[in-house]
C-alpha cells in the first residue's frame, strides 16, 4: 500500500505562489483600472481601515475637490486640480486610483448582494 506524504516546505511553496498571484492581480488592477481622463474625476481607494476623515484629508491635500464617498468611507471620488494627481495619491498611500465608472459598477454589485450601499 502506498501512502502520500507531504514534502517539507510544501506549505512555503504554496504560500509563495499565493503571494505572487495576489501581487500580480494587484499590479494588473492598478495599471488596468487607471482612469483614462483624470480631469473628469477619479475614485481614490485607500485601505479599508482608513477613516473617512483620513481619506478626505489625504485626497484633498493638494486642493482637489471632494465629490462624494464611494461604497465605503475609505473610497472617495475627487475632481483633481493637477494632472499628476494619480501619482500623488499613490505616493500618499492610496491602493488604487480608478475611473469613477468602475467604482459605480462595484457599488451596484455590492448593493445587489445587500451588504452595503
PDB file of N, CA and C in Angstrom:
ATOM      1  N   UNK A   1       0.839  -1.173   0.000  1.00  0.00           N
ATOM      2  CA  UNK A   1       0.000   0.000   0.000  1.00  0.00           C
ATOM      3  C   UNK A   1       0.888   1.241   0.000  1.00  0.00           C
ATOM      4  N   UNK A   2       0.546   2.204  -0.804  1.00  0.00           N
ATOM      5  CA  UNK A   2       1.320   3.426  -0.925  1.00  0.00           C
ATOM      6  C   UNK A   2       0.649   4.535  -0.140  1.00  0.00           C
ATOM      7  N   UNK A   3       1.454   5.263   0.630  1.00  0.00           N
ATOM      8  CA  UNK A   3       0.914   6.410   1.363  1.00  0.00           C
ATOM      9  C   UNK A   3       1.542   7.683   0.815  1.00  0.00           C
ATOM     10  N   UNK A   4       0.763   8.717   0.821  1.00  0.00           N
ATOM     11  CA  UNK A   4       1.260  10.006   0.349  1.00  0.00           C
ATOM     12  C   UNK A   4       1.752  10.811   1.542  1.00  0.00           C
ATOM     13  N   UNK A   5       2.932  11.346   1.418  1.00  0.00           N
ATOM     14  CA  UNK A   5       3.493  12.164   2.481  1.00  0.00           C
ATOM     15  C   UNK A   5       3.799  13.544   1.916  1.00  0.00           C
ATOM     16  N   UNK A   6       3.467  14.547   2.699  1.00  0.00           N
ATOM     17  CA  UNK A   6       3.760  15.919   2.277  1.00  0.00           C
ATOM     18  C   UNK A   6       5.242  16.179   2.413  1.00  0.00           C
ATOM     19  N   UNK A   7       5.811  16.775   1.386  1.00  0.00           N
ATOM     20  CA  UNK A   7       7.219  17.148   1.435  1.00  0.00           C
ATOM     21  C   UNK A   7       7.389  18.304   2.405  1.00  0.00           C
ATOM     22  N   UNK A   8       8.482  18.326   3.135  1.00  0.00           N
ATOM     23  CA  UNK A   8       8.749  19.506   3.955  1.00  0.00           C
ATOM     24  C   UNK A   8       8.926  20.712   3.035  1.00  0.00           C
ATOM     25  N   UNK A   9       8.374  21.830   3.412  1.00  0.00           N
ATOM     26  CA  UNK A   9       8.489  23.028   2.596  1.00  0.00           C
ATOM     27  C   UNK A   9       7.349  23.202   1.611  1.00  0.00           C
ATOM     28  N   UNK A  10       6.452  22.238   1.562  1.00  0.00           N
ATOM     29  CA  UNK A  10       5.315  22.322   0.627  1.00  0.00           C
ATOM     30  C   UNK A  10       4.427  23.524   0.963  1.00  0.00           C
ATOM     31  N   UNK A  11       4.209  23.774   2.238  1.00  0.00           N
ATOM     32  CA  UNK A  11       3.390  24.901   2.666  1.00  0.00           C
ATOM     33  C   UNK A  11       4.046  26.212   2.242  1.00  0.00           C
ATOM     34  N   UNK A  12       5.356  26.297   2.369  1.00  0.00           N
ATOM     35  CA  UNK A  12       6.075  27.504   1.960  1.00  0.00           C
ATOM     36  C   UNK A  12       5.932  27.732   0.456  1.00  0.00           C
ATOM     37  N   UNK A  13       5.971  26.667  -0.337  1.00  0.00           N
ATOM     38  CA  UNK A  13       5.798  26.802  -1.777  1.00  0.00           C
ATOM     39  C   UNK A  13       4.401  27.315  -2.116  1.00  0.00           C
ATOM     40  N   UNK A  14       3.404  26.786  -1.448  1.00  0.00           N
ATOM     41  CA  UNK A  14       2.024  27.209  -1.698  1.00  0.00           C
ATOM     42  C   UNK A  14       1.836  28.663  -1.299  1.00  0.00           C
ATOM     43  N   UNK A  15       2.352  29.052  -0.141  1.00  0.00           N
ATOM     44  CA  UNK A  15       2.242  30.442   0.300  1.00  0.00           C
ATOM     45  C   UNK A  15       2.955  31.397  -0.658  1.00  0.00           C
ATOM     46  N   UNK A  16       4.081  30.976  -1.179  1.00  0.00           N
ATOM     47  CA  UNK A  16       4.808  31.802  -2.149  1.00  0.00           C
ATOM     48  C   UNK A  16       3.985  31.992  -3.416  1.00  0.00           C
ATOM     49  N   UNK A  17       3.396  30.913  -3.928  1.00  0.00           N
ATOM     50  CA  UNK A  17       2.573  31.011  -5.134  1.00  0.00           C
ATOM     51  C   UNK A  17       1.336  31.886  -4.908  1.00  0.00           C
ATOM     52  N   UNK A  18       0.702  31.752  -3.757  1.00  0.00           N
ATOM     53  CA  UNK A  18      -0.471  32.575  -3.447  1.00  0.00           C
ATOM     54  C   UNK A  18      -0.064  34.047  -3.355  1.00  0.00           C
ATOM     55  N   UNK A  19       1.046  34.319  -2.686  1.00  0.00           N
ATOM     56  CA  UNK A  19       1.522  35.704  -2.559  1.00  0.00           C
ATOM     57  C   UNK A  19       1.842  36.323  -3.910  1.00  0.00           C
ATOM     58  N   UNK A  20       2.515  35.577  -4.762  1.00  0.00           N
ATOM     59  CA  UNK A  20       2.841  36.083  -6.100  1.00  0.00           C
ATOM     60  C   UNK A  20       1.577  36.306  -6.937  1.00  0.00           C
ATOM     61  N   UNK A  21       0.601  35.435  -6.789  1.00  0.00           N
ATOM     62  CA  UNK A  21      -0.654  35.596  -7.528  1.00  0.00           C
ATOM     63  C   UNK A  21      -1.397  36.852  -7.090  1.00  0.00           C
ATOM     64  N   UNK A  22      -1.449  37.094  -5.792  1.00  0.00           N
ATOM     65  CA  UNK A  22      -2.114  38.294  -5.274  1.00  0.00           C
ATOM     66  C   UNK A  22      -1.379  39.551  -5.734  1.00  0.00           C
ATOM     67  N   UNK A  23      -0.060  39.520  -5.688  1.00  0.00           N
ATOM     68  CA  UNK A  23       0.724  40.681  -6.133  1.00  0.00           C
ATOM     69  C   UNK A  23       0.511  40.953  -7.620  1.00  0.00           C
ATOM     70  N   UNK A  24       0.457  39.909  -8.429  1.00  0.00           N
ATOM     71  CA  UNK A  24       0.229  40.089  -9.869  1.00  0.00           C
ATOM     72  C   UNK A  24      -1.171  40.641 -10.136  1.00  0.00           C
ATOM     73  N   UNK A  25      -2.155  40.165  -9.397  1.00  0.00           N
ATOM     74  CA  UNK A  25      -3.518  40.670  -9.552  1.00  0.00           C
ATOM     75  C   UNK A  25      -3.597  42.147  -9.169  1.00  0.00           C
ATOM     76  N   UNK A  26      -2.972  42.515  -8.047  1.00  0.00           N
ATOM     77  CA  UNK A  26      -2.986  43.911  -7.602  1.00  0.00           C
ATOM     78  C   UNK A  26      -2.273  44.819  -8.607  1.00  0.00           C
ATOM     79  N   UNK A  27      -1.140  44.377  -9.122  1.00  0.00           N
ATOM     80  CA  UNK A  27      -0.412  45.182 -10.107  1.00  0.00           C
ATOM     81  C   UNK A  27      -1.222  45.340 -11.396  1.00  0.00           C
ATOM     82  N   UNK A  28      -1.861  44.281 -11.831  1.00  0.00           N
ATOM     83  CA  UNK A  28      -2.695  44.355 -13.034  1.00  0.00           C
ATOM     84  C   UNK A  28      -3.879  45.289 -12.826  1.00  0.00           C
ATOM     85  N   UNK A  29      -4.494  45.226 -11.662  1.00  0.00           N
ATOM     86  CA  UNK A  29      -5.634  46.104 -11.371  1.00  0.00           C
ATOM     87  C   UNK A  29      -5.196  47.557 -11.301  1.00  0.00           C
ATOM     88  N   UNK A  30      -4.060  47.814 -10.681  1.00  0.00           N
ATOM     89  CA  UNK A  30      -3.577  49.190 -10.559  1.00  0.00           C
ATOM     90  C   UNK A  30      -3.315  49.802 -11.932  1.00  0.00           C
ATOM     91  N   UNK A  31      -2.783  49.011 -12.839  1.00  0.00           N
ATOM     92  CA  UNK A  31      -2.484  49.505 -14.186  1.00  0.00           C
ATOM     93  C   UNK A  31      -3.746  49.504 -15.057  1.00  0.00           C
ATOM     94  N   UNK A  32      -4.499  48.428 -15.034  1.00  0.00           N
ATOM     95  CA  UNK A  32      -5.651  48.283 -15.915  1.00  0.00           C
ATOM     96  C   UNK A  32      -6.840  49.158 -15.572  1.00  0.00           C
ATOM     97  N   UNK A  33      -6.998  49.521 -14.303  1.00  0.00           N
ATOM     98  CA  UNK A  33      -8.146  50.322 -13.888  1.00  0.00           C
ATOM     99  C   UNK A  33      -7.831  51.807 -13.778  1.00  0.00           C
ATOM    100  N   UNK A  34      -6.630  52.204 -14.163  1.00  0.00           N
ATOM    101  CA  UNK A  34      -6.245  53.618 -14.084  1.00  0.00           C
ATOM    102  C   UNK A  34      -7.185  54.452 -14.944  1.00  0.00           C
ATOM    103  N   UNK A  35      -7.586  55.621 -14.454  1.00  0.00           N
ATOM    104  CA  UNK A  35      -8.521  56.459 -15.219  1.00  0.00           C
ATOM    105  C   UNK A  35      -7.897  56.981 -16.512  1.00  0.00           C
ATOM    106  N   UNK A  36      -8.674  56.947 -17.589  1.00  0.00           N
ATOM    107  CA  UNK A  36      -8.198  57.437 -18.882  1.00  0.00           C
ATOM    108  C   UNK A  36      -8.178  58.960 -18.930  1.00  0.00           C
ATOM    109  N   UNK A  37      -9.174  59.602 -18.312  1.00  0.00           N
ATOM    110  CA  UNK A  37      -9.276  61.060 -18.279  1.00  0.00           C
ATOM    111  C   UNK A  37      -9.428  61.525 -16.836  1.00  0.00           C
ATOM    112  N   UNK A  38      -8.335  61.637 -16.095  1.00  0.00           N
ATOM    113  CA  UNK A  38      -8.432  62.017 -14.688  1.00  0.00           C
ATOM    114  C   UNK A  38      -9.081  63.384 -14.466  1.00  0.00           C
ATOM    115  N   UNK A  39      -9.006  64.272 -15.449  1.00  0.00           N
ATOM    116  CA  UNK A  39      -9.603  65.592 -15.286  1.00  0.00           C
ATOM    117  C   UNK A  39     -11.125  65.529 -15.185  1.00  0.00           C
ATOM    118  N   UNK A  40     -11.733  64.385 -15.560  1.00  0.00           N
ATOM    119  CA  UNK A  40     -13.178  64.200 -15.444  1.00  0.00           C
ATOM    120  C   UNK A  40     -13.581  63.591 -14.104  1.00  0.00           C
ATOM    121  N   UNK A  41     -12.622  63.346 -13.243  1.00  0.00           N
ATOM    122  CA  UNK A  41     -12.890  62.768 -11.931  1.00  0.00           C
ATOM    123  C   UNK A  41     -12.209  61.429 -11.761  1.00  0.00           C
ATOM    124  N   UNK A  42     -11.875  61.122 -10.512  1.00  0.00           N
ATOM    125  CA  UNK A  42     -11.244  59.849 -10.181  1.00  0.00           C
ATOM    126  C   UNK A  42     -11.811  59.331  -8.866  1.00  0.00           C
ATOM    127  N   UNK A  43     -11.738  58.037  -8.685  1.00  0.00           N
ATOM    128  CA  UNK A  43     -12.082  57.419  -7.413  1.00  0.00           C
ATOM    129  C   UNK A  43     -10.774  56.962  -6.777  1.00  0.00           C
ATOM    130  N   UNK A  44     -10.522  57.430  -5.559  1.00  0.00           N
ATOM    131  CA  UNK A  44      -9.300  57.091  -4.847  1.00  0.00           C
ATOM    132  C   UNK A  44      -9.662  56.063  -3.784  1.00  0.00           C
ATOM    133  N   UNK A  45      -8.995  54.919  -3.817  1.00  0.00           N
ATOM    134  CA  UNK A  45      -9.297  53.827  -2.900  1.00  0.00           C
ATOM    135  C   UNK A  45      -8.130  53.656  -1.940  1.00  0.00           C
ATOM    136  N   UNK A  46      -8.417  53.905  -0.667  1.00  0.00           N
ATOM    137  CA  UNK A  46      -7.424  53.710   0.390  1.00  0.00           C
ATOM    138  C   UNK A  46      -7.691  52.368   1.069  1.00  0.00           C
ATOM    139  N   UNK A  47      -6.835  51.976   1.987  1.00  0.00           N
ATOM    140  CA  UNK A  47      -7.007  50.728   2.730  1.00  0.00           C
ATOM    141  C   UNK A  47      -8.372  50.734   3.424  1.00  0.00           C
ATOM    142  N   UNK A  48      -9.027  49.593   3.536  1.00  0.00           N
ATOM    143  CA  UNK A  48     -10.378  49.546   4.121  1.00  0.00           C
ATOM    144  C   UNK A  48     -10.462  50.085   5.546  1.00  0.00           C
ATOM    145  N   UNK A  49      -9.394  50.046   6.297  1.00  0.00           N
ATOM    146  CA  UNK A  49      -9.414  50.531   7.674  1.00  0.00           C
ATOM    147  C   UNK A  49      -9.148  52.037   7.780  1.00  0.00           C
ATOM    148  N   UNK A  50      -8.981  52.719   6.651  1.00  0.00           N
ATOM    149  CA  UNK A  50      -8.762  54.165   6.654  1.00  0.00           C
ATOM    150  C   UNK A  50     -10.082  54.871   6.981  1.00  0.00           C
ATOM    151  N   UNK A  51     -10.051  55.796   7.922  1.00  0.00           N
ATOM    152  CA  UNK A  51     -11.262  56.516   8.318  1.00  0.00           C
ATOM    153  C   UNK A  51     -11.681  57.496   7.228  1.00  0.00           C
ATOM    154  N   UNK A  52     -12.928  57.938   7.297  1.00  0.00           N
ATOM    155  CA  UNK A  52     -13.422  58.892   6.310  1.00  0.00           C
ATOM    156  C   UNK A  52     -12.650  60.206   6.401  1.00  0.00           C
ATOM    157  N   UNK A  53     -12.330  60.631   7.607  1.00  0.00           N
ATOM    158  CA  UNK A  53     -11.575  61.880   7.798  1.00  0.00           C
ATOM    159  C   UNK A  53     -10.188  61.783   7.162  1.00  0.00           C
ATOM    160  N   UNK A  54      -9.503  60.665   7.405  1.00  0.00           N
ATOM    161  CA  UNK A  54      -8.164  60.482   6.832  1.00  0.00           C
ATOM    162  C   UNK A  54      -8.229  60.390   5.308  1.00  0.00           C
ATOM    163  N   UNK A  55      -9.261  59.741   4.788  1.00  0.00           N
ATOM    164  CA  UNK A  55      -9.412  59.627   3.333  1.00  0.00           C
ATOM    165  C   UNK A  55      -9.576  60.999   2.696  1.00  0.00           C
ATOM    166  N   UNK A  56     -10.438  61.822   3.269  1.00  0.00           N
ATOM    167  CA  UNK A  56     -10.667  63.159   2.707  1.00  0.00           C
ATOM    168  C   UNK A  56      -9.419  64.017   2.847  1.00  0.00           C
ATOM    169  N   UNK A  57      -8.759  63.967   4.009  1.00  0.00           N
ATOM    170  CA  UNK A  57      -7.559  64.784   4.208  1.00  0.00           C
ATOM    171  C   UNK A  57      -6.478  64.450   3.192  1.00  0.00           C
ATOM    172  N   UNK A  58      -6.244  63.157   2.969  1.00  0.00           N
ATOM    173  CA  UNK A  58      -5.219  62.757   2.003  1.00  0.00           C
ATOM    174  C   UNK A  58      -5.600  63.157   0.583  1.00  0.00           C
ATOM    175  N   UNK A  59      -6.869  62.939   0.236  1.00  0.00           N
ATOM    176  CA  UNK A  59      -7.311  63.171  -1.141  1.00  0.00           C
ATOM    177  C   UNK A  59      -7.407  64.654  -1.496  1.00  0.00           C
ATOM    178  N   UNK A  60      -7.662  65.510  -0.515  1.00  0.00           N
ATOM    179  CA  UNK A  60      -7.810  66.946  -0.800  1.00  0.00           C
ATOM    180  C   UNK A  60      -6.581  67.750  -0.421  1.00  0.00           C
ATOM    181  N   UNK A  61      -5.495  67.105  -0.075  1.00  0.00           N
ATOM    182  CA  UNK A  61      -4.309  67.806   0.416  1.00  0.00           C
ATOM    183  C   UNK A  61      -3.691  68.757  -0.611  1.00  0.00           C
ATOM    184  N   UNK A  62      -3.933  68.540  -1.886  1.00  0.00           N
ATOM    185  CA  UNK A  62      -3.364  69.437  -2.909  1.00  0.00           C
ATOM    186  C   UNK A  62      -4.397  70.415  -3.463  1.00  0.00           C
ATOM    187  N   UNK A  63      -5.554  70.514  -2.828  1.00  0.00           N
ATOM    188  CA  UNK A  63      -6.571  71.451  -3.262  1.00  0.00           C
ATOM    189  C   UNK A  63      -7.625  70.860  -4.176  1.00  0.00           C
ATOM    190  N   UNK A  64      -7.552  69.562  -4.429  1.00  0.00           N
ATOM    191  CA  UNK A  64      -8.558  68.927  -5.279  1.00  0.00           C
ATOM    192  C   UNK A  64      -9.911  68.924  -4.577  1.00  0.00           C
ATOM    193  N   UNK A  65     -10.966  68.825  -5.375  1.00  0.00           N
ATOM    194  CA  UNK A  65     -12.322  68.964  -4.855  1.00  0.00           C
ATOM    195  C   UNK A  65     -12.949  67.608  -4.555  1.00  0.00           C
ATOM    196  N   UNK A  66     -13.508  67.477  -3.351  1.00  0.00           N
ATOM    197  CA  UNK A  66     -14.218  66.278  -2.922  1.00  0.00           C
ATOM    198  C   UNK A  66     -15.601  66.269  -3.572  1.00  0.00           C
ATOM    199  N   UNK A  67     -15.983  65.131  -4.149  1.00  0.00           N
ATOM    200  CA  UNK A  67     -17.304  64.988  -4.767  1.00  0.00           C
ATOM    201  C   UNK A  67     -18.227  64.166  -3.864  1.00  0.00           C
ATOM    202  N   UNK A  68     -17.795  62.951  -3.512  1.00  0.00           N
ATOM    203  CA  UNK A  68     -18.622  62.081  -2.660  1.00  0.00           C
ATOM    204  C   UNK A  68     -17.792  60.899  -2.195  1.00  0.00           C
ATOM    205  N   UNK A  69     -18.356  60.133  -1.274  1.00  0.00           N
ATOM    206  CA  UNK A  69     -17.743  58.880  -0.867  1.00  0.00           C
ATOM    207  C   UNK A  69     -18.200  57.773  -1.800  1.00  0.00           C
ATOM    208  N   UNK A  70     -17.400  56.720  -1.880  1.00  0.00           N
ATOM    209  CA  UNK A  70     -17.789  55.534  -2.626  1.00  0.00           C
ATOM    210  C   UNK A  70     -18.646  54.656  -1.724  1.00  0.00           C
ATOM    211  N   UNK A  71     -18.618  53.360  -1.953  1.00  0.00           N
ATOM    212  CA  UNK A  71     -19.405  52.437  -1.148  1.00  0.00           C
ATOM    213  C   UNK A  71     -18.927  52.338   0.286  1.00  0.00           C
ATOM    214  N   UNK A  72     -17.677  52.716   0.540  1.00  0.00           N
ATOM    215  CA  UNK A  72     -17.087  52.668   1.872  1.00  0.00           C
ATOM    216  C   UNK A  72     -16.425  54.004   2.174  1.00  0.00           C
ATOM    217  N   UNK A  73     -16.162  54.270   3.451  1.00  0.00           N
ATOM    218  CA  UNK A  73     -15.538  55.529   3.848  1.00  0.00           C
ATOM    219  C   UNK A  73     -14.107  55.671   3.344  1.00  0.00           C
ATOM    220  N   UNK A  74     -13.480  54.582   2.988  1.00  0.00           N
ATOM    221  CA  UNK A  74     -12.093  54.635   2.520  1.00  0.00           C
ATOM    222  C   UNK A  74     -12.001  54.890   1.017  1.00  0.00           C
ATOM    223  N   UNK A  75     -13.129  55.108   0.369  1.00  0.00           N
ATOM    224  CA  UNK A  75     -13.167  55.393  -1.070  1.00  0.00           C
ATOM    225  C   UNK A  75     -13.769  56.773  -1.272  1.00  0.00           C
ATOM    226  N   UNK A  76     -13.028  57.647  -1.948  1.00  0.00           N
ATOM    227  CA  UNK A  76     -13.523  58.991  -2.217  1.00  0.00           C
ATOM    228  C   UNK A  76     -13.456  59.284  -3.711  1.00  0.00           C
ATOM    229  N   UNK A  77     -14.473  59.987  -4.193  1.00  0.00           N
ATOM    230  CA  UNK A  77     -14.497  60.418  -5.592  1.00  0.00           C
ATOM    231  C   UNK A  77     -14.089  61.886  -5.593  1.00  0.00           C
ATOM    232  N   UNK A  78     -13.110  62.208  -6.419  1.00  0.00           N
ATOM    233  CA  UNK A  78     -12.495  63.530  -6.420  1.00  0.00           C
ATOM    234  C   UNK A  78     -12.468  64.130  -7.819  1.00  0.00           C
ATOM    235  N   UNK A  79     -12.405  65.454  -7.842  1.00  0.00           N
ATOM    236  CA  UNK A  79     -12.150  66.188  -9.082  1.00  0.00           C
ATOM    237  C   UNK A  79     -10.742  66.765  -8.937  1.00  0.00           C
ATOM    238  N   UNK A  80      -9.740  66.169  -9.612  1.00  0.00           N
ATOM    239  CA  UNK A  80      -8.350  66.593  -9.439  1.00  0.00           C
ATOM    240  C   UNK A  80      -8.091  68.009  -9.951  1.00  0.00           C
ATOM    241  N   UNK A  81      -7.156  68.678  -9.285  1.00  0.00           N
ATOM    242  CA  UNK A  81      -6.720  70.016  -9.692  1.00  0.00           C
ATOM    243  C   UNK A  81      -5.467  69.966 -10.561  1.00  0.00           C
ATOM    244  N   UNK A  82      -4.691  68.888 -10.440  1.00  0.00           N
ATOM    245  CA  UNK A  82      -3.413  68.785 -11.149  1.00  0.00           C
ATOM    246  C   UNK A  82      -3.383  67.519 -11.999  1.00  0.00           C
ATOM    247  N   UNK A  83      -2.597  67.548 -13.054  1.00  0.00           N
ATOM    248  CA  UNK A  83      -2.528  66.404 -13.963  1.00  0.00           C
ATOM    249  C   UNK A  83      -1.816  65.194 -13.356  1.00  0.00           C
ATOM    250  N   UNK A  84      -0.964  65.413 -12.363  1.00  0.00           N
ATOM    251  CA  UNK A  84      -0.240  64.295 -11.748  1.00  0.00           C
ATOM    252  C   UNK A  84      -0.912  63.809 -10.466  1.00  0.00           C
ATOM    253  N   UNK A  85      -2.203  64.039 -10.334  1.00  0.00           N
ATOM    254  CA  UNK A  85      -2.949  63.680  -9.128  1.00  0.00           C
ATOM    255  C   UNK A  85      -2.876  62.182  -8.830  1.00  0.00           C
ATOM    256  N   UNK A  86      -3.002  61.362  -9.862  1.00  0.00           N
ATOM    257  CA  UNK A  86      -2.963  59.911  -9.668  1.00  0.00           C
ATOM    258  C   UNK A  86      -1.655  59.487  -9.016  1.00  0.00           C
ATOM    259  N   UNK A  87      -0.546  59.969  -9.518  1.00  0.00           N
ATOM    260  CA  UNK A  87       0.759  59.615  -8.941  1.00  0.00           C
ATOM    261  C   UNK A  87       0.878  60.123  -7.507  1.00  0.00           C
ATOM    262  N   UNK A  88       0.399  61.321  -7.255  1.00  0.00           N
ATOM    263  CA  UNK A  88       0.455  61.879  -5.893  1.00  0.00           C
ATOM    264  C   UNK A  88      -0.327  61.026  -4.905  1.00  0.00           C
ATOM    265  N   UNK A  89      -1.502  60.572  -5.301  1.00  0.00           N
ATOM    266  CA  UNK A  89      -2.327  59.760  -4.398  1.00  0.00           C
ATOM    267  C   UNK A  89      -1.685  58.405  -4.126  1.00  0.00           C
ATOM    268  N   UNK A  90      -1.084  57.821  -5.140  1.00  0.00           N
ATOM    269  CA  UNK A  90      -0.411  56.545  -4.932  1.00  0.00           C
ATOM    270  C   UNK A  90       0.769  56.712  -3.978  1.00  0.00           C
ATOM    271  N   UNK A  91       1.459  57.858  -4.050  1.00  0.00           N
ATOM    272  CA  UNK A  91       2.551  58.150  -3.126  1.00  0.00           C
ATOM    273  C   UNK A  91       2.044  58.371  -1.708  1.00  0.00           C
ATOM    274  N   UNK A  92       0.815  58.872  -1.562  1.00  0.00           N
ATOM    275  CA  UNK A  92       0.244  59.162  -0.247  1.00  0.00           C
ATOM    276  C   UNK A  92      -0.482  57.974   0.361  1.00  0.00           C
ATOM    277  N   UNK A  93      -0.359  56.817  -0.224  1.00  0.00           N
ATOM    278  CA  UNK A  93      -0.893  55.613   0.399  1.00  0.00           C
ATOM    279  C   UNK A  93      -2.156  55.049  -0.213  1.00  0.00           C
ATOM    280  N   UNK A  94      -2.636  55.600  -1.319  1.00  0.00           N
ATOM    281  CA  UNK A  94      -3.813  55.027  -1.973  1.00  0.00           C
ATOM    282  C   UNK A  94      -3.454  53.666  -2.561  1.00  0.00           C
ATOM    283  N   UNK A  95      -4.357  52.730  -2.436  1.00  0.00           N
ATOM    284  CA  UNK A  95      -4.128  51.423  -3.037  1.00  0.00           C
ATOM    285  C   UNK A  95      -4.362  51.485  -4.536  1.00  0.00           C
ATOM    286  N   UNK A  96      -5.446  52.172  -4.929  1.00  0.00           N
ATOM    287  CA  UNK A  96      -5.793  52.292  -6.341  1.00  0.00           C
ATOM    288  C   UNK A  96      -6.364  53.682  -6.599  1.00  0.00           C
ATOM    289  N   UNK A  97      -6.197  54.157  -7.822  1.00  0.00           N
ATOM    290  CA  UNK A  97      -6.896  55.343  -8.317  1.00  0.00           C
ATOM    291  C   UNK A  97      -7.538  54.886  -9.620  1.00  0.00           C
ATOM    292  N   UNK A  98      -8.879  54.887  -9.638  1.00  0.00           N
ATOM    293  CA  UNK A  98      -9.607  54.306 -10.766  1.00  0.00           C
ATOM    294  C   UNK A  98     -10.614  55.292 -11.339  1.00  0.00           C
ATOM    295  N   UNK A  99     -11.132  54.938 -12.490  1.00  0.00           N
ATOM    296  CA  UNK A  99     -12.198  55.708 -13.110  1.00  0.00           C
ATOM    297  C   UNK A  99     -13.455  55.558 -12.253  1.00  0.00           C
ATOM    298  N   UNK A 100     -14.187  56.627 -11.977  1.00  0.00           N
ATOM    299  CA  UNK A 100     -15.390  56.523 -11.136  1.00  0.00           C
ATOM    300  C   UNK A 100     -16.455  55.592 -11.708  1.00  0.00           C
ATOM    301  N   UNK A 101     -16.439  55.354 -13.018  1.00  0.00           N
ATOM    302  CA  UNK A 101     -17.402  54.424 -13.615  1.00  0.00           C
ATOM    303  C   UNK A 101     -17.152  53.001 -13.120  1.00  0.00           C
ATOM    304  N   UNK A 102     -15.898  52.654 -12.897  1.00  0.00           N
ATOM    305  CA  UNK A 102     -15.558  51.343 -12.345  1.00  0.00           C
ATOM    306  C   UNK A 102     -16.108  51.243 -10.930  1.00  0.00           C
ATOM    307  N   UNK A 103     -15.950  52.324 -10.179  1.00  0.00           N
ATOM    308  CA  UNK A 103     -16.459  52.357  -8.811  1.00  0.00           C
ATOM    309  C   UNK A 103     -17.972  52.203  -8.791  1.00  0.00           C
ATOM    310  N   UNK A 104     -18.667  52.847  -9.723  1.00  0.00           N
ATOM    311  CA  UNK A 104     -20.124  52.741  -9.785  1.00  0.00           C
ATOM    312  C   UNK A 104     -20.551  51.302 -10.054  1.00  0.00           C
ATOM    313  N   UNK A 105     -19.820  50.616 -10.913  1.00  0.00           N
ATOM    314  CA  UNK A 105     -20.140  49.218 -11.196  1.00  0.00           C
ATOM    315  C   UNK A 105     -19.946  48.356  -9.954  1.00  0.00           C
ATOM    316  N   UNK A 106     -18.893  48.623  -9.183  1.00  0.00           N
ATOM    317  CA  UNK A 106     -18.651  47.873  -7.954  1.00  0.00           C
ATOM    318  C   UNK A 106     -19.731  48.170  -6.916  1.00  0.00           C
ATOM    319  N   UNK A 107     -20.148  49.425  -6.806  1.00  0.00           N
ATOM    320  CA  UNK A 107     -21.181  49.790  -5.844  1.00  0.00           C
ATOM    321  C   UNK A 107     -22.493  49.095  -6.184  1.00  0.00           C
ATOM    322  N   UNK A 108     -22.803  49.000  -7.477  1.00  0.00           N
ATOM    323  CA  UNK A 108     -24.019  48.315  -7.885  1.00  0.00           C
ATOM    324  C   UNK A 108     -23.954  46.838  -7.516  1.00  0.00           C
ATOM    325  N   UNK A 109     -22.793  46.226  -7.690  1.00  0.00           N
ATOM    326  CA  UNK A 109     -22.640  44.821  -7.329  1.00  0.00           C
ATOM    327  C   UNK A 109     -22.784  44.619  -5.831  1.00  0.00           C
ATOM    328  N   UNK A 110     -22.254  45.532  -5.046  1.00  0.00           N
ATOM    329  CA  UNK A 110     -22.353  45.428  -3.589  1.00  0.00           C
ATOM    330  C   UNK A 110     -23.811  45.536  -3.170  1.00  0.00           C
ATOM    331  N   UNK A 111     -24.573  46.467  -3.769  1.00  0.00           N
ATOM    332  CA  UNK A 111     -25.958  46.642  -3.372  1.00  0.00           C
ATOM    333  C   UNK A 111     -26.820  45.450  -3.787  1.00  0.00           C
ATOM    334  N   UNK A 112     -26.456  44.767  -4.860  1.00  0.00           N
ATOM    335  CA  UNK A 112     -27.193  43.568  -5.285  1.00  0.00           C
ATOM    336  C   UNK A 112     -27.113  42.497  -4.204  1.00  0.00           C
ATOM    337  N   UNK A 113     -25.938  42.360  -3.604  1.00  0.00           N
ATOM    338  CA  UNK A 113     -25.765  41.347  -2.565  1.00  0.00           C
ATOM    339  C   UNK A 113     -26.284  41.817  -1.219  1.00  0.00           C
ATOM    340  N   UNK A 114     -26.676  43.078  -1.128  1.00  0.00           N
ATOM    341  CA  UNK A 114     -27.292  43.588   0.088  1.00  0.00           C
ATOM    342  C   UNK A 114     -26.346  43.844   1.229  1.00  0.00           C
ATOM    343  N   UNK A 115     -25.047  44.000   0.955  1.00  0.00           N
ATOM    344  CA  UNK A 115     -24.099  44.179   2.044  1.00  0.00           C
ATOM    345  C   UNK A 115     -23.807  45.623   2.354  1.00  0.00           C
ATOM    346  N   UNK A 116     -23.885  46.495   1.383  1.00  0.00           N
ATOM    347  CA  UNK A 116     -23.530  47.913   1.592  1.00  0.00           C
ATOM    348  C   UNK A 116     -24.109  48.728   0.463  1.00  0.00           C
ATOM    349  N   UNK A 117     -24.444  49.950   0.713  1.00  0.00           N
ATOM    350  CA  UNK A 117     -24.897  50.858  -0.349  1.00  0.00           C
ATOM    351  C   UNK A 117     -24.384  52.229  -0.053  1.00  0.00           C
TER     352      UNK A 117
END
